[in-house]
Amino acid sequence: MTDRGKIDSRVFAEVIAPKLGAQREDVALGPRHGVDFGVLSIGDQAVALATDPISILPALGFERSGRIALDIVLTDVAVSGLAPTHFAITLTLPTGMTDTQLAATWDGIHEHARDLGVSIVGGHTARYEGVDYSWVGGGTALGVGSHDDLVRPDGADPGDDIVMTTGPGTEVAGLFATLFPSALGLPAETVATAQERVEDILAVSDALTVVDACDPTALHDATEGGVVGGLTEMATGANVVFDVERSAAPVRPGVEEVCRAVDLDPWYISSAGTLLVTAPPVEARRAVDALETTGTPAAVVGTVHETTGDDSGLVLDGTRVEPPASDPAWNVMAELSER
């Protein structure tokens, strides 16, 4: 059986990267493993763009599900340092989704886009046989701004501090507690607390807070493969060593309990909503202060060092670690769904 979730770097390098259509001079940054966005150069402006699947989970509520689905796509542009400005969406819906449910989903998408200053500029919406929740389409986000404002995930410099927002494992903990509350074997109050973590998935505003407050050298979000995967991508991309301490990371209530219940390490599982930032120490402190003012937990969790050879990557609590080949939360979700 092939792995669930994103393809790995080998498949990307062998299958995707060599065949990218026509070569155009206006492509300033094309597809790269570990980079969530591409960049076009249009006149004197940069256009960052990213595409992601759209997931609608009825258990979250249709309005909230629409809001979260939009934010996840927009975050991939926001981590470029440019604010998302435009959005196009395809909704390939189950035949059983009612007009009322669609209207609630669309309200969530529209209202969140409006609040973030994002215009919806195109799309396709239809119902088709063979489609089921949760994957019901895809979206493309764009951000228009200055090339000077772009931030990449592979820009970390030796001497930088490493900042983490929200903490590891929040996305999976929140979703598992909401989708499978009775399967976790946890007290009701613990499950209810973990369910609140769904709101931690939203990260666009946090990314914009970071770039407004400081001058980051790198910015990334911790999705599949978790914070270990994200930190490793950032470190290897910049050819540096990230030295990180687990105990320094913020931990949201309910996350550890849910992860123990399903035998998952929160550092290795998807954590949409968790941002990873590198910046010089003074700038990093500004980012932490600004985030905490908005109510988002954040902390300096480590430092960036030069390599001493071919040793770029992540050192966690003094030990070199590697990201998972595929996100282990996918298999646990499949097991919980079958119960």
C-alpha atoms as a PDB file:
ATOM      1  CA  MET A   1       0.000   0.000   0.000  1.00  0.00           C
ATOM      2  CA  THR A   2       1.330   3.456  -0.874  1.00  0.00           C
ATOM      3  CA  ASP A   3       1.704   6.010   1.886  1.00  0.00           C
ATOM      4  CA  ARG A   4      -1.189   8.320   2.671  1.00  0.00           C
ATOM      5  CA  GLY A   5      -0.697  12.060   2.470  1.00  0.00           C
ATOM      6  CA  LYS A   6       1.842  14.084   0.545  1.00  0.00           C
ATOM      7  CA  ILE A   7       4.333  12.417  -1.744  1.00  0.00           C
ATOM      8  CA  ASP A   8       7.869  12.297  -0.391  1.00  0.00           C
ATOM      9  CA  SER A   9      10.864  14.266  -1.612  1.00  0.00           C
ATOM     10  CA  ARG A  10      12.116  11.382  -3.772  1.00  0.00           C
ATOM     11  CA  VAL A  11       8.886  11.080  -5.741  1.00  0.00           C
ATOM     12  CA  PHE A  12       8.725  14.849  -6.078  1.00  0.00           C
ATOM     13  CA  ALA A  13      12.283  14.988  -7.402  1.00  0.00           C
ATOM     14  CA  GLU A  14      11.850  12.070  -9.817  1.00  0.00           C
ATOM     15  CA  VAL A  15       8.287  12.551 -11.061  1.00  0.00           C
ATOM     16  CA  ILE A  16       7.190  16.156 -10.585  1.00  0.00           C
ATOM     17  CA  ALA A  17      10.186  18.480 -10.581  1.00  0.00           C
ATOM     18  CA  PRO A  18      11.663  17.491 -13.993  1.00  0.00           C
ATOM     19  CA  LYS A  19       8.376  18.108 -15.858  1.00  0.00           C
ATOM     20  CA  LEU A  20       6.955  21.540 -15.170  1.00  0.00           C
ATOM     21  CA  GLY A  21       5.587  22.551 -18.536  1.00  0.00           C
ATOM     22  CA  ALA A  22       6.987  25.529 -20.394  1.00  0.00           C
ATOM     23  CA  GLN A  23       9.862  27.543 -19.010  1.00  0.00           C
ATOM     24  CA  ARG A  24       8.856  31.177 -18.590  1.00  0.00           C
ATOM     25  CA  GLU A  25      10.978  34.123 -17.539  1.00  0.00           C
ATOM     26  CA  ASP A  26       8.223  35.492 -15.275  1.00  0.00           C
ATOM     27  CA  VAL A  27       8.471  32.483 -12.932  1.00  0.00           C
ATOM     28  CA  ALA A  28      10.676  33.786 -10.127  1.00  0.00           C
ATOM     29  CA  LEU A  29      10.170  30.699  -7.947  1.00  0.00           C
ATOM     30  CA  GLY A  30       8.760  27.422  -9.191  1.00  0.00           C
ATOM     31  CA  PRO A  31       7.749  24.274  -7.313  1.00  0.00           C
ATOM     32  CA  ARG A  32      10.232  23.122  -4.668  1.00  0.00           C
ATOM     33  CA  HIS A  33       9.835  20.432  -2.051  1.00  0.00           C
ATOM     34  CA  GLY A  34       9.234  22.064   1.322  1.00  0.00           C
ATOM     35  CA  VAL A  35       8.198  25.424  -0.150  1.00  0.00           C
ATOM     36  CA  ASP A  36       4.462  26.065   0.002  1.00  0.00           C
ATOM     37  CA  PHE A  37       4.221  28.784  -2.650  1.00  0.00           C
ATOM     38  CA  GLY A  38       5.496  29.852  -6.048  1.00  0.00           C
ATOM     39  CA  VAL A  39       6.300  33.392  -7.170  1.00  0.00           C
ATOM     40  CA  LEU A  40       5.629  35.214 -10.409  1.00  0.00           C
ATOM     41  CA  SER A  41       7.291  38.478 -11.361  1.00  0.00           C
ATOM     42  CA  ILE A  42       4.701  40.751 -13.018  1.00  0.00           C
ATOM     43  CA  GLY A  43       6.150  44.131 -13.851  1.00  0.00           C
ATOM     44  CA  ASP A  44       7.749  45.364 -10.645  1.00  0.00           C
ATOM     45  CA  GLN A  45       5.451  43.320  -8.415  1.00  0.00           C
ATOM     46  CA  ALA A  46       5.674  39.847  -6.952  1.00  0.00           C
ATOM     47  CA  VAL A  47       2.697  37.488  -7.049  1.00  0.00           C
ATOM     48  CA  ALA A  48       2.923  34.628  -4.556  1.00  0.00           C
ATOM     49  CA  LEU A  49       0.509  31.785  -5.270  1.00  0.00           C
ATOM     50  CA  ALA A  50      -0.352  28.459  -3.674  1.00  0.00           C
ATOM     51  CA  THR A  51      -2.842  25.651  -4.243  1.00  0.00           C
ATOM     52  CA  ASP A  52      -4.254  23.242  -1.688  1.00  0.00           C
ATOM     53  CA  PRO A  53      -7.150  20.781  -1.357  1.00  0.00           C
ATOM     54  CA  ILE A  54     -10.426  21.941   0.184  1.00  0.00           C
ATOM     55  CA  SER A  55     -11.670  19.808   3.075  1.00  0.00           C
ATOM     56  CA  ILE A  56     -15.196  20.130   4.456  1.00  0.00           C
ATOM     57  CA  LEU A  57     -15.914  18.164   7.640  1.00  0.00           C
ATOM     58  CA  PRO A  58     -19.601  18.277   8.628  1.00  0.00           C
ATOM     59  CA  ALA A  59     -18.698  17.433  12.233  1.00  0.00           C
ATOM     60  CA  LEU A  60     -17.009  20.838  12.512  1.00  0.00           C
ATOM     61  CA  GLY A  61     -20.118  22.651  11.323  1.00  0.00           C
ATOM     62  CA  PHE A  62     -20.380  23.788   7.713  1.00  0.00           C
ATOM     63  CA  GLU A  63     -19.733  27.480   8.342  1.00  0.00           C
ATOM     64  CA  ARG A  64     -16.660  26.824  10.473  1.00  0.00           C
ATOM     65  CA  SER A  65     -15.436  24.139   8.091  1.00  0.00           C
ATOM     66  CA  GLY A  66     -15.552  26.612   5.214  1.00  0.00           C
ATOM     67  CA  ARG A  67     -13.654  29.222   7.212  1.00  0.00           C
ATOM     68  CA  ILE A  68     -10.931  26.764   8.197  1.00  0.00           C
ATOM     69  CA  ALA A  69     -10.615  25.336   4.685  1.00  0.00           C
ATOM     70  CA  LEU A  70     -10.051  28.817   3.283  1.00  0.00           C
ATOM     71  CA  ASP A  71      -7.535  29.779   5.953  1.00  0.00           C
ATOM     72  CA  ILE A  72      -5.433  26.669   5.331  1.00  0.00           C
ATOM     73  CA  VAL A  73      -5.013  27.584   1.644  1.00  0.00           C
ATOM     74  CA  LEU A  74      -4.391  31.272   2.365  1.00  0.00           C
ATOM     75  CA  THR A  75      -1.722  30.416   4.951  1.00  0.00           C
ATOM     76  CA  ASP A  76       0.493  28.978   2.225  1.00  0.00           C
ATOM     77  CA  VAL A  77       0.625  32.464   0.702  1.00  0.00           C
ATOM     78  CA  ALA A  78       0.797  34.325   4.002  1.00  0.00           C
ATOM     79  CA  VAL A  79       4.040  32.515   4.915  1.00  0.00           C
ATOM     80  CA  SER A  80       5.588  34.125   1.826  1.00  0.00           C
ATOM     81  CA  GLY A  81       5.493  37.437   3.693  1.00  0.00           C
ATOM     82  CA  LEU A  82       2.791  38.797   1.378  1.00  0.00           C
ATOM     83  CA  ALA A  83      -0.787  39.173   2.550  1.00  0.00           C
ATOM     84  CA  PRO A  84      -3.246  37.032   0.552  1.00  0.00           C
ATOM     85  CA  THR A  85      -5.277  39.190  -1.793  1.00  0.00           C
ATOM     86  CA  HIS A  86      -7.175  36.914  -4.210  1.00  0.00           C
ATOM     87  CA  PHE A  87      -8.685  33.431  -4.185  1.00  0.00           C
ATOM     88  CA  ALA A  88     -10.120  30.998  -6.747  1.00  0.00           C
ATOM     89  CA  ILE A  89     -11.954  27.870  -5.645  1.00  0.00           C
ATOM     90  CA  THR A  90     -13.288  24.608  -7.050  1.00  0.00           C
ATOM     91  CA  LEU A  91     -15.951  22.777  -5.050  1.00  0.00           C
ATOM     92  CA  THR A  92     -16.660  19.210  -6.204  1.00  0.00           C
ATOM     93  CA  LEU A  93     -19.403  18.353  -3.746  1.00  0.00           C
ATOM     94  CA  PRO A  94     -21.097  15.133  -2.677  1.00  0.00           C
ATOM     95  CA  THR A  95     -24.540  14.679  -4.186  1.00  0.00           C
ATOM     96  CA  GLY A  96     -25.981  14.531  -0.682  1.00  0.00           C
ATOM     97  CA  MET A  97     -24.821  18.019   0.274  1.00  0.00           C
ATOM     98  CA  THR A  98     -27.909  20.229   0.465  1.00  0.00           C
ATOM     99  CA  ASP A  99     -28.240  23.813  -0.710  1.00  0.00           C
ATOM    100  CA  THR A 100     -28.562  24.854   2.931  1.00  0.00           C
ATOM    101  CA  GLN A 101     -25.300  23.135   3.830  1.00  0.00           C
ATOM    102  CA  LEU A 102     -23.588  24.673   0.802  1.00  0.00           C
ATOM    103  CA  ALA A 103     -24.889  28.106   1.792  1.00  0.00           C
ATOM    104  CA  ALA A 104     -23.482  27.732   5.312  1.00  0.00           C
ATOM    105  CA  THR A 105     -20.113  26.586   3.927  1.00  0.00           C
ATOM    106  CA  TRP A 106     -20.010  29.485   1.508  1.00  0.00           C
ATOM    107  CA  ASP A 107     -20.914  31.955   4.239  1.00  0.00           C
ATOM    108  CA  GLY A 108     -17.865  30.780   6.182  1.00  0.00           C
ATOM    109  CA  ILE A 109     -15.618  31.175   3.129  1.00  0.00           C
ATOM    110  CA  HIS A 110     -17.027  34.577   2.146  1.00  0.00           C
ATOM    111  CA  GLU A 111     -16.989  36.114   5.613  1.00  0.00           C
ATOM    112  CA  HIS A 112     -13.439  34.983   6.398  1.00  0.00           C
ATOM    113  CA  ALA A 113     -12.197  36.178   2.990  1.00  0.00           C
ATOM    114  CA  ARG A 114     -13.886  39.540   3.544  1.00  0.00           C
ATOM    115  CA  ASP A 115     -12.358  39.902   7.015  1.00  0.00           C
ATOM    116  CA  LEU A 116      -8.873  39.190   5.617  1.00  0.00           C
ATOM    117  CA  GLY A 117      -9.268  41.542   2.646  1.00  0.00           C
ATOM    118  CA  VAL A 118      -9.288  38.706   0.115  1.00  0.00           C
ATOM    119  CA  SER A 119     -11.405  38.827  -3.055  1.00  0.00           C
ATOM    120  CA  ILE A 120     -12.827  35.624  -4.548  1.00  0.00           C
ATOM    121  CA  VAL A 121     -12.177  35.962  -8.274  1.00  0.00           C
ATOM    122  CA  GLY A 122     -13.252  32.666  -9.826  1.00  0.00           C
ATOM    123  CA  GLY A 123     -14.234  29.081  -9.329  1.00  0.00           C
ATOM    124  CA  HIS A 124     -16.393  26.080 -10.179  1.00  0.00           C
ATOM    125  CA  THR A 125     -19.085  24.554  -7.988  1.00  0.00           C
ATOM    126  CA  ALA A 126     -20.925  21.301  -8.730  1.00  0.00           C
ATOM    127  CA  ARG A 127     -22.121  18.023  -7.252  1.00  0.00           C
ATOM    128  CA  TYR A 128     -20.762  14.748  -8.603  1.00  0.00           C
ATOM    129  CA  GLU A 129     -21.319  11.050  -8.016  1.00  0.00           C
ATOM    130  CA  GLY A 130     -18.461   9.283  -6.279  1.00  0.00           C
ATOM    131  CA  VAL A 131     -17.474  12.275  -4.160  1.00  0.00           C
ATOM    132  CA  ASP A 132     -17.595  12.023  -0.378  1.00  0.00           C
ATOM    133  CA  TYR A 133     -16.453  14.153   2.508  1.00  0.00           C
ATOM    134  CA  SER A 134     -13.918  15.353   3.388  1.00  0.00           C
ATOM    135  CA  TRP A 135     -11.969  16.247   0.222  1.00  0.00           C
ATOM    136  CA  VAL A 136     -14.322  18.279  -1.927  1.00  0.00           C
ATOM    137  CA  GLY A 137     -12.215  20.414  -4.236  1.00  0.00           C
ATOM    138  CA  GLY A 138      -9.281  22.765  -4.228  1.00  0.00           C
ATOM    139  CA  GLY A 139      -8.364  26.414  -3.997  1.00  0.00           C
ATOM    140  CA  THR A 140      -5.674  28.726  -5.311  1.00  0.00           C
ATOM    141  CA  ALA A 141      -4.604  31.769  -3.302  1.00  0.00           C
ATOM    142  CA  LEU A 142      -2.591  34.737  -4.513  1.00  0.00           C
ATOM    143  CA  GLY A 143      -0.804  37.552  -2.730  1.00  0.00           C
ATOM    144  CA  VAL A 144       0.389  40.638  -4.583  1.00  0.00           C
ATOM    145  CA  GLY A 145       3.182  42.814  -3.211  1.00  0.00           C
ATOM    146  CA  SER A 146       6.818  43.792  -3.367  1.00  0.00           C
ATOM    147  CA  HIS A 147       9.654  41.381  -4.068  1.00  0.00           C
ATOM    148  CA  ASP A 148      11.460  43.001  -1.131  1.00  0.00           C
ATOM    149  CA  ASP A 149       8.765  41.735   1.253  1.00  0.00           C
ATOM    150  CA  LEU A 150       9.075  38.069   0.260  1.00  0.00           C
ATOM    151  CA  VAL A 151      10.140  35.570   2.920  1.00  0.00           C
ATOM    152  CA  ARG A 152      11.148  31.996   2.100  1.00  0.00           C
ATOM    153  CA  PRO A 153      11.261  28.933   4.338  1.00  0.00           C
ATOM    154  CA  ASP A 154      14.925  28.310   3.491  1.00  0.00           C
ATOM    155  CA  GLY A 155      16.374  31.663   4.535  1.00  0.00           C
ATOM    156  CA  ALA A 156      17.553  30.917   8.088  1.00  0.00           C
ATOM    157  CA  ASP A 157      20.990  32.297   9.036  1.00  0.00           C
ATOM    158  CA  PRO A 158      23.411  31.040  11.706  1.00  0.00           C
ATOM    159  CA  GLY A 159      22.798  33.004  14.887  1.00  0.00           C
ATOM    160  CA  ASP A 160      19.036  33.271  14.332  1.00  0.00           C
ATOM    161  CA  ASP A 161      16.582  32.283  17.007  1.00  0.00           C
ATOM    162  CA  ILE A 162      13.778  29.836  16.175  1.00  0.00           C
ATOM    163  CA  VAL A 163      10.221  30.789  17.161  1.00  0.00           C
ATOM    164  CA  MET A 164       7.266  28.400  17.318  1.00  0.00           C
ATOM    165  CA  THR A 165       3.653  29.485  17.627  1.00  0.00           C
ATOM    166  CA  THR A 166       0.761  27.491  19.127  1.00  0.00           C
ATOM    167  CA  GLY A 167       2.791  24.314  19.682  1.00  0.00           C
ATOM    168  CA  PRO A 168       3.014  20.840  18.130  1.00  0.00           C
ATOM    169  CA  GLY A 169       0.093  18.562  17.346  1.00  0.00           C
ATOM    170  CA  THR A 170      -2.732  21.061  17.741  1.00  0.00           C
ATOM    171  CA  GLU A 171      -4.466  20.328  14.429  1.00  0.00           C
ATOM    172  CA  VAL A 172      -4.630  16.552  14.850  1.00  0.00           C
ATOM    173  CA  ALA A 173      -5.617  16.793  18.518  1.00  0.00           C
ATOM    174  CA  GLY A 174      -8.459  19.173  17.748  1.00  0.00           C
ATOM    175  CA  LEU A 175      -9.750  17.174  14.801  1.00  0.00           C
ATOM    176  CA  PHE A 176      -9.514  13.766  16.495  1.00  0.00           C
ATOM    177  CA  ALA A 177     -11.311  15.063  19.584  1.00  0.00           C
ATOM    178  CA  THR A 178     -14.075  16.473  17.363  1.00  0.00           C
ATOM    179  CA  LEU A 179     -14.417  13.619  14.888  1.00  0.00           C
ATOM    180  CA  PHE A 180     -13.854  10.641  17.223  1.00  0.00           C
ATOM    181  CA  PRO A 181     -14.700  11.829  20.764  1.00  0.00           C
ATOM    182  CA  SER A 182     -15.919   8.464  22.050  1.00  0.00           C
ATOM    183  CA  ALA A 183     -13.005   6.488  20.575  1.00  0.00           C
ATOM    184  CA  LEU A 184     -10.299   8.254  22.594  1.00  0.00           C
ATOM    185  CA  GLY A 185     -11.198   6.846  26.000  1.00  0.00           C
ATOM    186  CA  LEU A 186     -10.694  10.231  27.647  1.00  0.00           C
ATOM    187  CA  PRO A 187     -12.819  12.126  30.183  1.00  0.00           C
ATOM    188  CA  ALA A 188     -15.484  14.324  28.607  1.00  0.00           C
ATOM    189  CA  GLU A 189     -13.901  17.521  29.919  1.00  0.00           C
ATOM    190  CA  THR A 190     -10.531  16.595  28.387  1.00  0.00           C
ATOM    191  CA  VAL A 191     -12.177  15.897  25.026  1.00  0.00           C
ATOM    192  CA  ALA A 192     -14.039  19.214  25.198  1.00  0.00           C
ATOM    193  CA  THR A 193     -10.794  21.072  25.883  1.00  0.00           C
ATOM    194  CA  ALA A 194      -9.042  19.327  23.000  1.00  0.00           C
ATOM    195  CA  GLN A 195     -11.923  20.190  20.671  1.00  0.00           C
ATOM    196  CA  GLU A 196     -11.085  23.862  21.212  1.00  0.00           C
ATOM    197  CA  ARG A 197      -7.810  23.272  19.387  1.00  0.00           C
ATOM    198  CA  VAL A 198      -9.658  23.319  16.060  1.00  0.00           C
ATOM    199  CA  GLU A 199      -9.586  27.120  16.282  1.00  0.00           C
ATOM    200  CA  ASP A 200      -5.775  26.975  16.516  1.00  0.00           C
ATOM    201  CA  ILE A 201      -5.692  25.797  12.896  1.00  0.00           C
ATOM    202  CA  LEU A 202      -6.225  29.378  11.694  1.00  0.00           C
ATOM    203  CA  ALA A 203      -2.812  30.932  10.957  1.00  0.00           C
ATOM    204  CA  VAL A 204      -3.112  33.683   8.336  1.00  0.00           C
ATOM    205  CA  SER A 205      -3.476  36.444  10.913  1.00  0.00           C
ATOM    206  CA  ASP A 206      -0.524  35.063  12.896  1.00  0.00           C
ATOM    207  CA  ALA A 207       1.713  35.040   9.813  1.00  0.00           C
ATOM    208  CA  LEU A 208       0.789  38.638   9.024  1.00  0.00           C
ATOM    209  CA  THR A 209       1.452  39.598  12.658  1.00  0.00           C
ATOM    210  CA  VAL A 210       4.959  38.128  12.389  1.00  0.00           C
ATOM    211  CA  VAL A 211       5.909  40.008   9.219  1.00  0.00           C
ATOM    212  CA  ASP A 212       4.430  43.247  10.562  1.00  0.00           C
ATOM    213  CA  ALA A 213       6.316  42.953  13.856  1.00  0.00           C
ATOM    214  CA  CYS A 214       9.760  41.853  12.726  1.00  0.00           C
ATOM    215  CA  ASP A 215      12.041  41.039   9.817  1.00  0.00           C
ATOM    216  CA  PRO A 216      12.046  37.206   9.683  1.00  0.00           C
ATOM    217  CA  THR A 217      14.687  35.365   7.724  1.00  0.00           C
ATOM    218  CA  ALA A 218      12.401  32.328   7.222  1.00  0.00           C
ATOM    219  CA  LEU A 219       8.750  31.465   7.792  1.00  0.00           C
ATOM    220  CA  HIS A 220       6.988  28.119   7.422  1.00  0.00           C
ATOM    221  CA  ASP A 221       3.864  26.329   8.649  1.00  0.00           C
ATOM    222  CA  ALA A 222       3.956  22.874  10.202  1.00  0.00           C
ATOM    223  CA  THR A 223       1.529  20.731   8.249  1.00  0.00           C
ATOM    224  CA  GLU A 224       2.135  17.095   7.249  1.00  0.00           C
ATOM    225  CA  GLY A 225       5.104  15.673   9.128  1.00  0.00           C
ATOM    226  CA  GLY A 226       4.496  18.154  11.926  1.00  0.00           C
ATOM    227  CA  VAL A 227       6.995  20.526  13.471  1.00  0.00           C
ATOM    228  CA  VAL A 228       9.809  17.990  13.025  1.00  0.00           C
ATOM    229  CA  GLY A 229       9.057  17.861   9.308  1.00  0.00           C
ATOM    230  CA  GLY A 230       8.753  21.628   8.994  1.00  0.00           C
ATOM    231  CA  LEU A 231      11.890  22.415  10.987  1.00  0.00           C
ATOM    232  CA  THR A 232      13.880  19.829   9.022  1.00  0.00           C
ATOM    233  CA  GLU A 233      12.745  21.301   5.703  1.00  0.00           C
ATOM    234  CA  MET A 234      13.775  24.769   6.842  1.00  0.00           C
ATOM    235  CA  ALA A 235      17.170  23.630   8.128  1.00  0.00           C
ATOM    236  CA  THR A 236      18.155  21.472   5.167  1.00  0.00           C
ATOM    237  CA  GLY A 237      16.900  24.098   2.711  1.00  0.00           C
ATOM    238  CA  ALA A 238      19.174  26.704   4.307  1.00  0.00           C
ATOM    239  CA  ASN A 239      22.058  24.223   4.823  1.00  0.00           C
ATOM    240  CA  VAL A 240      22.175  24.924   8.560  1.00  0.00           C
ATOM    241  CA  VAL A 241      21.520  23.083  11.817  1.00  0.00           C
ATOM    242  CA  PHE A 242      18.440  23.810  13.923  1.00  0.00           C
ATOM    243  CA  ASP A 243      19.047  23.089  17.629  1.00  0.00           C
ATOM    244  CA  VAL A 244      15.636  22.850  19.343  1.00  0.00           C
ATOM    245  CA  GLU A 245      14.456  21.996  22.862  1.00  0.00           C
ATOM    246  CA  ARG A 246      11.072  20.326  23.312  1.00  0.00           C
ATOM    247  CA  SER A 247      10.551  21.854  26.747  1.00  0.00           C
ATOM    248  CA  ALA A 248      10.688  25.386  25.317  1.00  0.00           C
ATOM    249  CA  ALA A 249       7.703  24.892  23.000  1.00  0.00           C
ATOM    250  CA  PRO A 250       4.229  26.131  23.874  1.00  0.00           C
ATOM    251  CA  VAL A 251       1.796  23.273  24.490  1.00  0.00           C
ATOM    252  CA  ARG A 252      -1.953  23.816  24.138  1.00  0.00           C
ATOM    253  CA  PRO A 253      -4.377  22.190  26.596  1.00  0.00           C
ATOM    254  CA  GLY A 254      -5.658  18.770  25.562  1.00  0.00           C
ATOM    255  CA  VAL A 255      -2.999  18.042  22.944  1.00  0.00           C
ATOM    256  CA  GLU A 256      -0.794  15.727  24.989  1.00  0.00           C
ATOM    257  CA  GLU A 257      -3.774  13.751  26.305  1.00  0.00           C
ATOM    258  CA  VAL A 258      -5.224  13.097  22.844  1.00  0.00           C
ATOM    259  CA  CYS A 259      -1.842  12.177  21.386  1.00  0.00           C
ATOM    260  CA  ARG A 260      -1.143   9.713  24.211  1.00  0.00           C
ATOM    261  CA  ALA A 261      -4.569   8.158  23.729  1.00  0.00           C
ATOM    262  CA  VAL A 262      -3.794   7.311  20.096  1.00  0.00           C
ATOM    263  CA  ASP A 263      -0.049   6.675  20.570  1.00  0.00           C
ATOM    264  CA  LEU A 264       1.166   9.606  18.466  1.00  0.00           C
ATOM    265  CA  ASP A 265       4.093  11.946  19.107  1.00  0.00           C
ATOM    266  CA  PRO A 266       2.725  15.492  18.630  1.00  0.00           C
ATOM    267  CA  TRP A 267       6.034  16.666  17.175  1.00  0.00           C
ATOM    268  CA  TYR A 268       5.696  14.350  14.160  1.00  0.00           C
ATOM    269  CA  ILE A 269       2.052  14.931  13.163  1.00  0.00           C
ATOM    270  CA  SER A 270       0.310  17.592  11.140  1.00  0.00           C
ATOM    271  CA  SER A 271      -0.113  20.850  13.001  1.00  0.00           C
ATOM    272  CA  ALA A 272      -1.697  23.336  10.605  1.00  0.00           C
ATOM    273  CA  GLY A 273      -1.826  26.617  12.458  1.00  0.00           C
ATOM    274  CA  THR A 274       1.632  26.227  13.987  1.00  0.00           C
ATOM    275  CA  LEU A 275       4.123  28.659  12.470  1.00  0.00           C
ATOM    276  CA  LEU A 276       7.898  28.235  12.503  1.00  0.00           C
ATOM    277  CA  VAL A 277       9.936  31.433  12.287  1.00  0.00           C
ATOM    278  CA  THR A 278      13.633  32.261  12.240  1.00  0.00           C
ATOM    279  CA  ALA A 279      14.971  35.746  12.909  1.00  0.00           C
ATOM    280  CA  PRO A 280      17.856  37.476  14.660  1.00  0.00           C
ATOM    281  CA  PRO A 281      17.298  37.355  18.438  1.00  0.00           C
ATOM    282  CA  VAL A 282      15.971  40.920  18.811  1.00  0.00           C
ATOM    283  CA  GLU A 283      13.580  40.424  15.889  1.00  0.00           C
ATOM    284  CA  ALA A 284      12.469  37.050  17.245  1.00  0.00           C
ATOM    285  CA  ARG A 285      11.579  38.643  20.579  1.00  0.00           C
ATOM    286  CA  ARG A 286       9.484  41.230  18.754  1.00  0.00           C
ATOM    287  CA  ALA A 287       7.596  38.460  16.968  1.00  0.00           C
ATOM    288  CA  VAL A 288       6.892  36.609  20.225  1.00  0.00           C
ATOM    289  CA  ASP A 289       5.678  39.766  21.944  1.00  0.00           C
ATOM    290  CA  ALA A 290       3.416  40.726  19.034  1.00  0.00           C
ATOM    291  CA  LEU A 291       1.897  37.253  18.801  1.00  0.00           C
ATOM    292  CA  GLU A 292       1.232  37.033  22.520  1.00  0.00           C
ATOM    293  CA  THR A 293      -0.507  40.433  22.347  1.00  0.00           C
ATOM    294  CA  THR A 294      -2.986  38.878  19.891  1.00  0.00           C
ATOM    295  CA  GLY A 295      -3.529  35.870  22.164  1.00  0.00           C
ATOM    296  CA  THR A 296      -1.376  33.399  20.204  1.00  0.00           C
ATOM    297  CA  PRO A 297       1.116  31.442  22.350  1.00  0.00           C
ATOM    298  CA  ALA A 298       4.665  31.719  20.992  1.00  0.00           C
ATOM    299  CA  ALA A 299       8.169  31.048  22.256  1.00  0.00           C
ATOM    300  CA  VAL A 300      11.799  30.874  21.210  1.00  0.00           C
ATOM    301  CA  VAL A 301      12.491  27.140  21.015  1.00  0.00           C
ATOM    302  CA  GLY A 302      16.029  27.019  19.687  1.00  0.00           C
ATOM    303  CA  THR A 303      18.852  28.515  17.679  1.00  0.00           C
ATOM    304  CA  VAL A 304      20.370  28.187  14.208  1.00  0.00           C
ATOM    305  CA  HIS A 305      23.984  27.017  13.826  1.00  0.00           C
ATOM    306  CA  GLU A 306      26.414  26.599  10.949  1.00  0.00           C
ATOM    307  CA  THR A 307      26.992  23.118   9.621  1.00  0.00           C
ATOM    308  CA  THR A 308      30.293  21.367  10.239  1.00  0.00           C
ATOM    309  CA  GLY A 309      30.013  19.368   7.065  1.00  0.00           C
ATOM    310  CA  ASP A 310      27.109  17.457   5.602  1.00  0.00           C
ATOM    311  CA  ASP A 311      25.078  17.646   8.818  1.00  0.00           C
ATOM    312  CA  SER A 312      22.324  20.152   8.074  1.00  0.00           C
ATOM    313  CA  GLY A 313      18.986  19.294   9.652  1.00  0.00           C
ATOM    314  CA  LEU A 314      17.256  19.193  13.019  1.00  0.00           C
ATOM    315  CA  VAL A 315      18.763  18.404  16.421  1.00  0.00           C
ATOM    316  CA  LEU A 316      16.007  17.875  18.976  1.00  0.00           C
ATOM    317  CA  ASP A 317      16.987  17.729  22.653  1.00  0.00           C
ATOM    318  CA  GLY A 318      20.577  17.087  21.630  1.00  0.00           C
ATOM    319  CA  THR A 319      19.793  14.221  19.230  1.00  0.00           C
ATOM    320  CA  ARG A 320      19.701  14.352  15.450  1.00  0.00           C
ATOM    321  CA  VAL A 321      16.206  13.402  14.218  1.00  0.00           C
ATOM    322  CA  GLU A 322      14.625  12.779  10.827  1.00  0.00           C
ATOM    323  CA  PRO A 323      11.078  13.574   9.703  1.00  0.00           C
ATOM    324  CA  PRO A 324       8.604  10.734   9.202  1.00  0.00           C
ATOM    325  CA  ALA A 325       8.419   9.216   5.721  1.00  0.00           C
ATOM    326  CA  SER A 326       4.682   9.937   5.861  1.00  0.00           C
ATOM    327  CA  ASP A 327       2.545  11.586   8.499  1.00  0.00           C
ATOM    328  CA  PRO A 328       1.584   8.835  11.002  1.00  0.00           C
ATOM    329  CA  ALA A 329      -1.683  10.594  11.833  1.00  0.00           C
ATOM    330  CA  TRP A 330      -3.161   9.467   8.507  1.00  0.00           C
ATOM    331  CA  ASN A 331      -3.049   5.793   9.474  1.00  0.00           C
ATOM    332  CA  VAL A 332      -4.484   6.487  12.930  1.00  0.00           C
ATOM    333  CA  MET A 333      -7.311   8.498  11.382  1.00  0.00           C
ATOM    334  CA  ALA A 334      -8.119   5.595   9.081  1.00  0.00           C
ATOM    335  CA  GLU A 335      -8.196   3.203  12.044  1.00  0.00           C
ATOM    336  CA  LEU A 336     -10.444   5.499  14.070  1.00  0.00           C
ATOM    337  CA  SER A 337     -12.778   5.945  11.101  1.00  0.00           C
ATOM    338  CA  GLU A 338     -13.219   2.179  10.791  1.00  0.00           C
ATOM    339  CA  ARG A 339     -14.202   1.653  14.421  1.00  0.00           C
END
